[in-house]
């Protein structure tokens, strides 16, 4: 046991975060894999992201997760094992992996986490699952056993998970199909309409990060390269803060409406506690300036933004792993007959 390492793994749609207990470090890499000729791994993680939207026809850059769930077991397995190998060449005889997982999963989806781990050096590893809202709550400092009602909104890359906690557990959760990639797509569409040139999603993401300002105080623009929609030739153009913010705000309005609907379906006593305590927001998109005021105005309560942003879940896993008293919230996925 002394030589067996323990890892926390948050397999997000956009990025993989891994906590290594031996080094007490967290790494983050893009959850992408580049495959050549349909069967040969060409690049993994940040290396695959670097060539995204730049590859020849025989190389495909794939995101093997969809809405925070495993969509291609073999490719997720390749990403996980490659990144763990980069992190630690000596994982011990029987390492332990704690995966964060969405709350409303089927037993088949849960078993997929067991399947992707038990290969190669991890063949004899132990696998535990932790529901994402529980991990987020631990990072946020929410007293899970005592709370009468807490709401956590985790804005991911492709989807947003809204979860209500009470009575020492997550009592209800919903996955909303809106996330960071929808902001990027909205920005690209707005630039195409207003500026008559097409930008890549990478460029749209950069503009989203640099120009979005929901406080209304920023008055500036950025030059961006794209393809002229009339001539099909490359050109650059100036993109305004107003164009980007309006595009992002349109998606946020949809998200606020979905959260309101979720609150309406929450038991009254739990909802009352949530509105009194305020709503917790996590995820990379919560870095956008003014997002707390935006949601506070539309949801009618205080908004608390996690300082961990997109690292909130993995920080929660770290908290659970390093405090044995919290292990009660980890569980073992059911295995098929014959699996050991």
Protein backbone atom coordinates (compact mmCIF):
# COMPACT_ATOMS: atom_id res chain seq x y z
CA UNK A 1 0.00 0.00 0.00
CA UNK A 2 2.83 2.42 0.77
CA UNK A 3 3.92 2.31 -2.85
CA UNK A 4 0.49 2.38 -4.46
CA UNK A 5 -0.58 5.84 -5.55
CA UNK A 6 -4.05 7.36 -5.40
CA UNK A 7 -5.46 9.60 -8.14
CA UNK A 8 -8.51 11.77 -8.46
CA UNK A 9 -9.80 12.04 -12.05
CA UNK A 10 -12.31 14.52 -13.45
CA UNK A 11 -13.09 13.51 -17.03
CA UNK A 12 -14.68 16.66 -18.42
CA UNK A 13 -15.91 17.11 -21.96
CA UNK A 14 -13.31 19.79 -22.65
CA UNK A 15 -10.51 18.93 -20.24
CA UNK A 16 -9.18 16.14 -18.04
CA UNK A 17 -8.02 17.07 -14.54
CA UNK A 18 -5.98 14.62 -12.48
CA UNK A 19 -4.93 14.92 -8.84
CA UNK A 20 -1.80 12.95 -7.88
CA UNK A 21 -1.58 12.34 -4.12
CA UNK A 22 2.09 11.38 -4.20
CA UNK A 23 3.12 14.69 -5.77
CA UNK A 24 0.15 16.64 -4.34
CA UNK A 25 -0.36 18.26 -7.74
CA UNK A 26 -3.23 18.78 -10.17
CA UNK A 27 -2.69 18.67 -13.91
CA UNK A 28 -5.15 19.78 -16.59
CA UNK A 29 -5.03 18.78 -20.26
CA UNK A 30 -7.51 18.98 -23.11
CA UNK A 31 -9.74 15.93 -23.41
CA UNK A 32 -8.89 15.42 -27.06
CA UNK A 33 -7.28 12.70 -29.12
CA UNK A 34 -6.01 12.86 -32.69
CA UNK A 35 -6.45 9.63 -34.68
CA UNK A 36 -4.66 8.98 -37.99
CA UNK A 37 -6.27 6.81 -40.67
CA UNK A 38 -9.00 5.79 -38.26
CA UNK A 39 -6.90 3.46 -36.11
CA UNK A 40 -3.59 5.06 -35.01
CA UNK A 41 -3.29 7.49 -32.09
CA UNK A 42 -1.40 10.53 -33.33
CA UNK A 43 -1.64 12.97 -30.38
CA UNK A 44 -3.38 13.21 -27.01
CA UNK A 45 -4.38 16.06 -24.69
CA UNK A 46 -2.94 19.52 -25.27
CA UNK A 47 -0.91 18.17 -28.21
CA UNK A 48 -4.15 17.14 -29.95
CA UNK A 49 -5.73 20.54 -29.22
CA UNK A 50 -2.79 22.33 -30.83
CA UNK A 51 -3.57 20.71 -34.18
CA UNK A 52 -7.38 21.01 -33.84
CA UNK A 53 -8.89 22.65 -36.97
CA UNK A 54 -5.49 22.39 -38.71
CA UNK A 55 -5.30 18.70 -39.63
CA UNK A 56 -5.23 16.97 -43.05
CA UNK A 57 -8.17 14.75 -44.01
CA UNK A 58 -6.57 11.53 -42.72
CA UNK A 59 -6.25 12.88 -39.15
CA UNK A 60 -9.34 13.45 -37.02
CA UNK A 61 -9.24 15.31 -33.70
CA UNK A 62 -11.95 13.87 -31.47
CA UNK A 63 -13.44 14.76 -28.11
CA UNK A 64 -14.35 11.31 -26.69
CA UNK A 65 -16.81 12.70 -24.11
CA UNK A 66 -20.28 14.10 -24.77
CA UNK A 67 -22.15 16.23 -22.22
CA UNK A 68 -19.80 15.06 -19.47
CA UNK A 69 -20.32 11.37 -20.28
CA UNK A 70 -18.14 8.76 -21.94
CA UNK A 71 -19.15 8.45 -25.58
CA UNK A 72 -16.20 6.35 -26.84
CA UNK A 73 -14.78 3.95 -24.24
CA UNK A 74 -11.67 3.03 -26.23
CA UNK A 75 -10.66 6.63 -26.93
CA UNK A 76 -11.31 7.79 -23.35
CA UNK A 77 -9.20 4.86 -22.18
CA UNK A 78 -6.35 5.96 -24.48
CA UNK A 79 -6.54 9.55 -23.18
CA UNK A 80 -6.64 8.48 -19.52
CA UNK A 81 -3.74 6.04 -19.73
CA UNK A 82 -1.59 8.43 -21.76
CA UNK A 83 -2.08 11.32 -19.33
CA UNK A 84 -1.52 9.14 -16.26
CA UNK A 85 1.66 7.81 -17.88
CA UNK A 86 2.91 11.35 -18.42
CA UNK A 87 2.14 12.20 -14.82
CA UNK A 88 3.69 9.16 -13.16
CA UNK A 89 5.69 6.32 -14.67
CA UNK A 90 5.49 4.33 -11.40
CA UNK A 91 1.91 4.03 -10.20
CA UNK A 92 2.43 1.05 -7.90
CA UNK A 93 1.05 -2.49 -7.98
CA UNK A 94 -2.54 -1.57 -7.22
CA UNK A 95 -3.24 2.16 -7.58
CA UNK A 96 -6.61 3.65 -6.62
CA UNK A 97 -8.65 5.95 -8.89
CA UNK A 98 -11.49 8.20 -7.74
CA UNK A 99 -13.62 9.39 -10.70
CA UNK A 100 -16.09 12.24 -10.51
CA UNK A 101 -19.29 11.30 -12.36
CA UNK A 102 -22.65 12.91 -13.23
CA UNK A 103 -25.38 12.13 -10.74
CA UNK A 104 -28.05 10.65 -13.02
CA UNK A 105 -26.10 7.80 -14.60
CA UNK A 106 -27.20 4.29 -15.54
CA UNK A 107 -25.35 1.26 -14.18
CA UNK A 108 -23.96 0.67 -17.68
CA UNK A 109 -22.51 4.19 -17.76
CA UNK A 110 -21.00 3.70 -14.30
CA UNK A 111 -19.37 0.42 -15.36
CA UNK A 112 -17.68 2.26 -18.23
CA UNK A 113 -15.42 3.96 -15.68
CA UNK A 114 -14.35 0.57 -14.36
CA UNK A 115 -13.70 -0.62 -17.91
CA UNK A 116 -11.52 2.32 -19.02
CA UNK A 117 -9.27 1.96 -15.97
CA UNK A 118 -8.51 -1.76 -15.97
CA UNK A 119 -5.86 -1.98 -18.68
CA UNK A 120 -2.06 -2.14 -18.72
CA UNK A 121 -0.44 -0.78 -15.55
CA UNK A 122 -3.88 -0.13 -14.07
CA UNK A 123 -5.10 -3.70 -14.55
CA UNK A 124 -5.33 -4.32 -10.79
CA UNK A 125 -6.42 -0.83 -9.77
CA UNK A 126 -9.33 -0.05 -7.47
CA UNK A 127 -12.03 2.25 -8.79
CA UNK A 128 -14.36 4.50 -6.79
CA UNK A 129 -16.97 6.93 -8.10
CA UNK A 130 -17.98 10.25 -6.55
CA UNK A 131 -21.00 12.23 -7.76
CA UNK A 132 -19.91 15.59 -9.16
CA UNK A 133 -22.25 17.73 -7.03
CA UNK A 134 -20.81 16.06 -3.92
CA UNK A 135 -17.24 16.79 -5.05
CA UNK A 136 -18.20 20.39 -5.89
CA UNK A 137 -19.86 20.80 -2.49
CA UNK A 138 -16.72 19.61 -0.69
CA UNK A 139 -14.59 22.13 -2.60
CA UNK A 140 -17.10 24.91 -1.93
CA UNK A 141 -17.13 24.17 1.79
CA UNK A 142 -20.85 23.32 1.90
CA UNK A 143 -21.65 21.28 5.06
CA UNK A 144 -23.31 18.40 3.19
CA UNK A 145 -24.61 16.66 6.31
CA UNK A 146 -26.18 19.83 7.72
CA UNK A 147 -27.50 21.71 4.69
CA UNK A 148 -31.27 21.91 4.33
CA UNK A 149 -30.96 23.08 0.77
CA UNK A 150 -28.00 24.09 -1.41
CA UNK A 151 -27.94 24.52 -5.18
CA UNK A 152 -24.81 24.03 -7.28
CA UNK A 153 -24.65 25.05 -10.95
CA UNK A 154 -21.62 23.61 -12.76
CA UNK A 155 -21.26 25.16 -16.23
CA UNK A 156 -19.23 22.71 -18.29
CA UNK A 157 -18.05 22.72 -21.88
CA UNK A 158 -21.11 21.10 -23.48
CA UNK A 159 -23.62 21.03 -20.67
CA UNK A 160 -24.54 22.48 -17.29
CA UNK A 161 -25.30 20.26 -14.31
CA UNK A 162 -27.73 21.78 -11.79
CA UNK A 163 -27.94 19.88 -8.50
CA UNK A 164 -29.84 20.41 -5.25
CA UNK A 165 -28.36 19.05 -2.01
CA UNK A 166 -30.22 18.31 1.23
CA UNK A 167 -30.21 15.69 3.98
CA UNK A 168 -26.58 14.71 3.35
CA UNK A 169 -26.95 13.92 -0.36
CA UNK A 170 -27.76 15.28 -3.79
CA UNK A 171 -31.55 14.87 -3.97
CA UNK A 172 -32.21 16.04 -7.52
CA UNK A 173 -30.05 16.88 -10.52
CA UNK A 174 -30.59 17.94 -14.10
CA UNK A 175 -28.25 18.12 -17.07
CA UNK A 176 -28.93 21.14 -19.29
CA UNK A 177 -27.52 21.02 -22.83
CA UNK A 178 -25.90 24.46 -22.66
CA UNK A 179 -22.23 25.13 -21.94
CA UNK A 180 -19.04 26.88 -22.92
CA UNK A 181 -19.10 25.55 -26.47
CA UNK A 182 -22.52 27.12 -26.99
CA UNK A 183 -21.03 30.49 -26.03
CA UNK A 184 -18.23 29.95 -28.56
CA UNK A 185 -20.68 28.97 -31.30
CA UNK A 186 -22.88 31.99 -30.52
CA UNK A 187 -19.88 34.33 -30.75
CA UNK A 188 -18.82 32.82 -34.11
CA UNK A 189 -22.39 33.18 -35.46
CA UNK A 190 -22.64 36.80 -34.27
CA UNK A 191 -19.32 37.72 -35.91
CA UNK A 192 -20.49 36.11 -39.16
CA UNK A 193 -23.73 38.13 -39.12
CA UNK A 194 -22.29 41.50 -38.09
CA UNK A 195 -18.81 41.38 -39.64
CA UNK A 196 -19.43 39.12 -42.68
CA UNK A 197 -16.53 36.79 -42.01
CA UNK A 198 -16.27 33.34 -40.50
CA UNK A 199 -13.94 32.72 -37.54
CA UNK A 200 -12.85 29.40 -36.07
CA UNK A 201 -14.22 28.14 -32.74
CA UNK A 202 -10.75 28.58 -31.25
CA UNK A 203 -10.83 32.26 -32.22
CA UNK A 204 -14.40 32.58 -30.91
CA UNK A 205 -13.27 31.19 -27.55
CA UNK A 206 -10.41 33.70 -27.35
CA UNK A 207 -12.79 36.56 -28.15
CA UNK A 208 -15.27 35.31 -25.56
CA UNK A 209 -12.59 35.33 -22.86
CA UNK A 210 -11.09 38.71 -23.79
CA UNK A 211 -14.19 40.74 -24.72
CA UNK A 212 -17.19 39.47 -22.76
CA UNK A 213 -18.20 41.96 -20.09
CA UNK A 214 -21.65 41.57 -18.53
CA UNK A 215 -21.10 44.66 -16.35
CA UNK A 216 -21.34 46.93 -19.40
CA UNK A 217 -18.17 48.80 -18.53
CA UNK A 218 -15.85 47.53 -21.26
CA UNK A 219 -15.72 49.48 -24.54
CA UNK A 220 -13.13 47.94 -26.84
CA UNK A 221 -12.57 45.51 -29.66
CA UNK A 222 -10.08 42.96 -31.02
CA UNK A 223 -8.84 42.18 -34.50
CA UNK A 224 -9.46 38.62 -35.58
CA UNK A 225 -8.58 36.54 -38.62
CA UNK A 226 -11.26 34.70 -40.55
CA UNK A 227 -12.70 33.87 -43.96
CA UNK A 228 -14.70 36.49 -45.86
CA UNK A 229 -18.21 35.09 -46.42
CA UNK A 230 -18.49 36.86 -49.80
CA UNK A 231 -15.15 36.07 -51.42
CA UNK A 232 -14.04 33.00 -49.46
CA UNK A 233 -10.65 34.63 -48.96
CA UNK A 234 -8.82 35.13 -45.64
CA UNK A 235 -9.14 38.56 -44.07
CA UNK A 236 -9.12 40.19 -40.68
CA UNK A 237 -11.65 42.45 -39.05
CA UNK A 238 -12.41 44.26 -35.82
CA UNK A 239 -14.81 42.51 -33.44
CA UNK A 240 -16.46 44.68 -30.79
CA UNK A 241 -17.05 43.95 -27.15
CA UNK A 242 -20.78 44.60 -27.76
CA UNK A 243 -21.01 41.86 -30.43
CA UNK A 244 -19.37 39.23 -28.22
CA UNK A 245 -21.18 40.16 -25.00
CA UNK A 246 -24.59 40.18 -26.70
CA UNK A 247 -23.92 36.70 -28.14
CA UNK A 248 -22.85 35.28 -24.76
CA UNK A 249 -25.73 36.97 -22.97
CA UNK A 250 -28.24 35.28 -25.27
CA UNK A 251 -27.04 31.84 -24.15
CA UNK A 252 -26.93 32.93 -20.49
CA UNK A 253 -30.56 34.06 -20.71
CA UNK A 254 -31.53 30.55 -21.82
CA UNK A 255 -29.52 29.05 -18.96
CA UNK A 256 -31.13 31.37 -16.39
CA UNK A 257 -34.58 30.31 -17.61
CA UNK A 258 -33.68 26.61 -17.25
CA UNK A 259 -32.39 27.19 -13.69
CA UNK A 260 -35.63 28.98 -12.81
CA UNK A 261 -37.61 25.98 -14.07
CA UNK A 262 -35.40 23.67 -11.98
CA UNK A 263 -36.06 25.75 -8.86
CA UNK A 264 -39.82 25.61 -9.49
CA UNK A 265 -39.65 21.78 -9.40
CA UNK A 266 -37.56 21.73 -6.21
CA UNK A 267 -39.42 20.88 -2.95
CA UNK A 268 -40.61 24.16 -1.33
CA UNK A 269 -38.66 23.76 1.92
CA UNK A 270 -35.45 23.02 0.01
CA UNK A 271 -36.06 25.91 -2.40
CA UNK A 272 -36.58 28.29 0.54
CA UNK A 273 -33.19 27.31 2.00
CA UNK A 274 -31.50 27.67 -1.41
CA UNK A 275 -32.84 31.19 -1.96
CA UNK A 276 -31.80 32.19 1.55
CA UNK A 277 -28.29 30.71 1.21
CA UNK A 278 -27.70 31.71 -2.41
CA UNK A 279 -26.73 29.65 -5.45
CA UNK A 280 -23.21 28.35 -6.01
CA UNK A 281 -21.73 28.53 -9.52
CA UNK A 282 -18.64 26.69 -10.75
CA UNK A 283 -17.02 26.01 -14.13
CA UNK A 284 -14.64 27.82 -16.46
CA UNK A 285 -17.33 30.13 -17.86
CA UNK A 286 -17.93 31.63 -14.42
CA UNK A 287 -14.76 33.68 -14.96
CA UNK A 288 -16.74 35.98 -17.28
CA UNK A 289 -16.90 39.48 -15.70
CA UNK A 290 -20.30 40.31 -14.25
CA UNK A 291 -21.76 36.80 -14.45
CA UNK A 292 -22.64 36.84 -10.73
CA UNK A 293 -24.65 40.07 -11.04
CA UNK A 294 -26.29 38.76 -14.22
CA UNK A 295 -27.67 35.64 -12.53
CA UNK A 296 -28.46 37.43 -9.24
CA UNK A 297 -30.76 39.82 -11.09
CA UNK A 298 -32.55 37.04 -12.99
CA UNK A 299 -32.79 34.45 -10.20
CA UNK A 300 -33.53 36.82 -7.35
CA UNK A 301 -30.91 35.63 -4.87
CA UNK A 302 -27.24 35.92 -3.99
CA UNK A 303 -24.77 34.22 -6.35
CA UNK A 304 -21.56 32.72 -5.01
CA UNK A 305 -18.83 32.02 -7.57
CA UNK A 306 -16.26 29.33 -6.74
CA UNK A 307 -12.71 30.64 -6.82
CA UNK A 308 -11.64 27.25 -8.20
CA UNK A 309 -13.70 27.79 -11.40
CA UNK A 310 -13.17 24.74 -13.68
CA UNK A 311 -10.95 23.06 -11.06
CA UNK A 312 -13.73 22.95 -8.46
CA UNK A 313 -14.64 19.27 -8.99
CA UNK A 314 -11.05 18.00 -8.92
CA UNK A 315 -10.36 20.08 -5.80
CA UNK A 316 -13.39 18.41 -4.22
CA UNK A 317 -11.95 14.99 -5.11
CA UNK A 318 -8.66 16.03 -3.51
CA UNK A 319 -10.55 17.00 -0.35
CA UNK A 320 -12.33 13.63 -0.26
CA UNK A 321 -9.20 11.57 -0.97
CA UNK A 322 -7.09 13.29 1.68
CA UNK A 323 -9.76 13.14 4.44
CA UNK A 324 -10.81 9.52 5.23
CA UNK A 325 -13.94 10.71 7.05
CA UNK A 326 -15.27 11.89 3.67
CA UNK A 327 -14.83 8.51 1.96
CA UNK A 328 -18.46 7.72 2.80
CA UNK A 329 -19.45 9.64 -0.35
CA UNK A 330 -17.39 7.39 -2.65
CA UNK A 331 -18.90 4.19 -4.00
CA UNK A 332 -17.80 1.24 -6.11
CA UNK A 333 -19.41 0.72 -9.55
CA UNK A 334 -21.20 -2.58 -10.04
CA UNK A 335 -19.21 -4.92 -12.26
CA UNK A 336 -20.29 -7.49 -14.79
CA UNK A 337 -19.93 -11.13 -13.85
CA UNK A 338 -16.35 -12.25 -14.58
CA UNK A 339 -14.78 -8.81 -13.96
CA UNK A 340 -12.32 -8.70 -11.08
